[in-house]
Amino acid sequence: MKARIYKLNEYLQRVEERLSLEQQRKRPDGFALLHLRMLRLRIRNALTRAMARLSTPAVAAPQMQAG
């Protein structure tokens, strides 16, 4: 597993834990909920992009032909 994917998974897990705790509060803070949900979305998008780059090989640069 690549280091970036591992870190993103760790961040996502932390954010989801914080979001769960905030939602369980008697009077959850709306700003904190919004911030955590947006952060979760951004991390998921970054994780999706990282996984896509991992699964598709890079296109080789065209070779210059001597002529």
Protein backbone atom coordinates (compact mmCIF):
# COMPACT_ATOMS: atom_id res chain seq x y z
CA MET A 1 0.00 0.00 0.00
CA LYS A 2 1.32 3.41 -0.89
CA ALA A 3 2.11 5.83 1.91
CA ARG A 4 -0.35 8.45 0.61
CA ILE A 5 -3.23 5.98 0.53
CA TYR A 6 -2.36 4.79 4.03
CA LYS A 7 -2.29 8.36 5.38
CA LEU A 8 -5.59 9.21 3.69
CA ASN A 9 -7.19 6.13 5.23
CA GLU A 10 -5.89 7.16 8.64
CA TYR A 11 -7.21 10.71 8.24
CA LEU A 12 -10.57 9.42 7.04
CA GLN A 13 -10.88 7.12 10.02
CA ARG A 14 -10.09 9.97 12.44
CA VAL A 15 -12.58 12.33 10.80
CA GLU A 16 -15.33 9.70 10.83
CA GLU A 17 -14.70 9.05 14.53
CA ARG A 18 -14.89 12.77 15.32
CA LEU A 19 -18.04 13.09 13.21
CA SER A 20 -19.63 10.19 15.04
CA LEU A 21 -18.81 11.74 18.43
CA GLU A 22 -20.12 15.13 17.36
CA GLN A 23 -23.39 13.64 16.12
CA GLN A 24 -23.90 11.80 19.40
CA ARG A 25 -23.63 14.97 21.45
CA LYS A 26 -26.79 16.30 23.03
CA ARG A 27 -26.50 19.59 21.11
CA PRO A 28 -24.11 19.07 18.18
CA ASP A 29 -22.32 22.08 16.80
CA GLY A 30 -23.60 22.74 13.29
CA PHE A 31 -20.39 24.38 12.12
CA ALA A 32 -18.29 21.46 13.35
CA LEU A 33 -20.62 18.99 11.62
CA LEU A 34 -20.41 20.91 8.37
CA HIS A 35 -16.62 21.14 8.61
CA LEU A 36 -16.21 17.42 9.35
CA ARG A 37 -18.57 16.37 6.55
CA MET A 38 -16.76 18.54 4.02
CA LEU A 39 -13.41 17.23 5.23
CA ARG A 40 -14.66 13.65 4.90
CA LEU A 41 -15.79 14.34 1.35
CA ARG A 42 -12.45 15.90 0.39
CA ILE A 43 -10.50 12.99 1.86
CA ARG A 44 -12.71 10.46 0.07
CA ASN A 45 -12.21 12.28 -3.23
CA ALA A 46 -8.43 12.38 -2.71
CA LEU A 47 -8.44 8.69 -1.83
CA THR A 48 -10.44 7.87 -4.97
CA ARG A 49 -7.98 9.83 -7.12
CA ALA A 50 -5.00 8.13 -5.47
CA MET A 51 -6.51 4.69 -6.01
CA ALA A 52 -7.27 5.50 -9.65
CA ARG A 53 -3.66 6.59 -10.23
CA LEU A 54 -2.45 3.39 -8.60
CA SER A 55 -4.65 1.15 -10.73
CA THR A 56 -3.94 2.79 -14.10
CA PRO A 57 -0.36 2.86 -15.32
CA ALA A 58 1.07 6.16 -16.44
CA VAL A 59 1.19 6.75 -20.16
CA ALA A 60 4.77 6.76 -21.37
CA ALA A 61 6.02 9.99 -22.92
CA PRO A 62 6.41 9.74 -26.70
CA GLN A 63 9.98 9.11 -27.80
CA MET A 64 11.63 11.70 -29.98
CA GLN A 65 12.69 10.19 -33.24
CA ALA A 66 16.05 11.09 -34.67
CA GLY A 67 15.74 11.65 -38.33
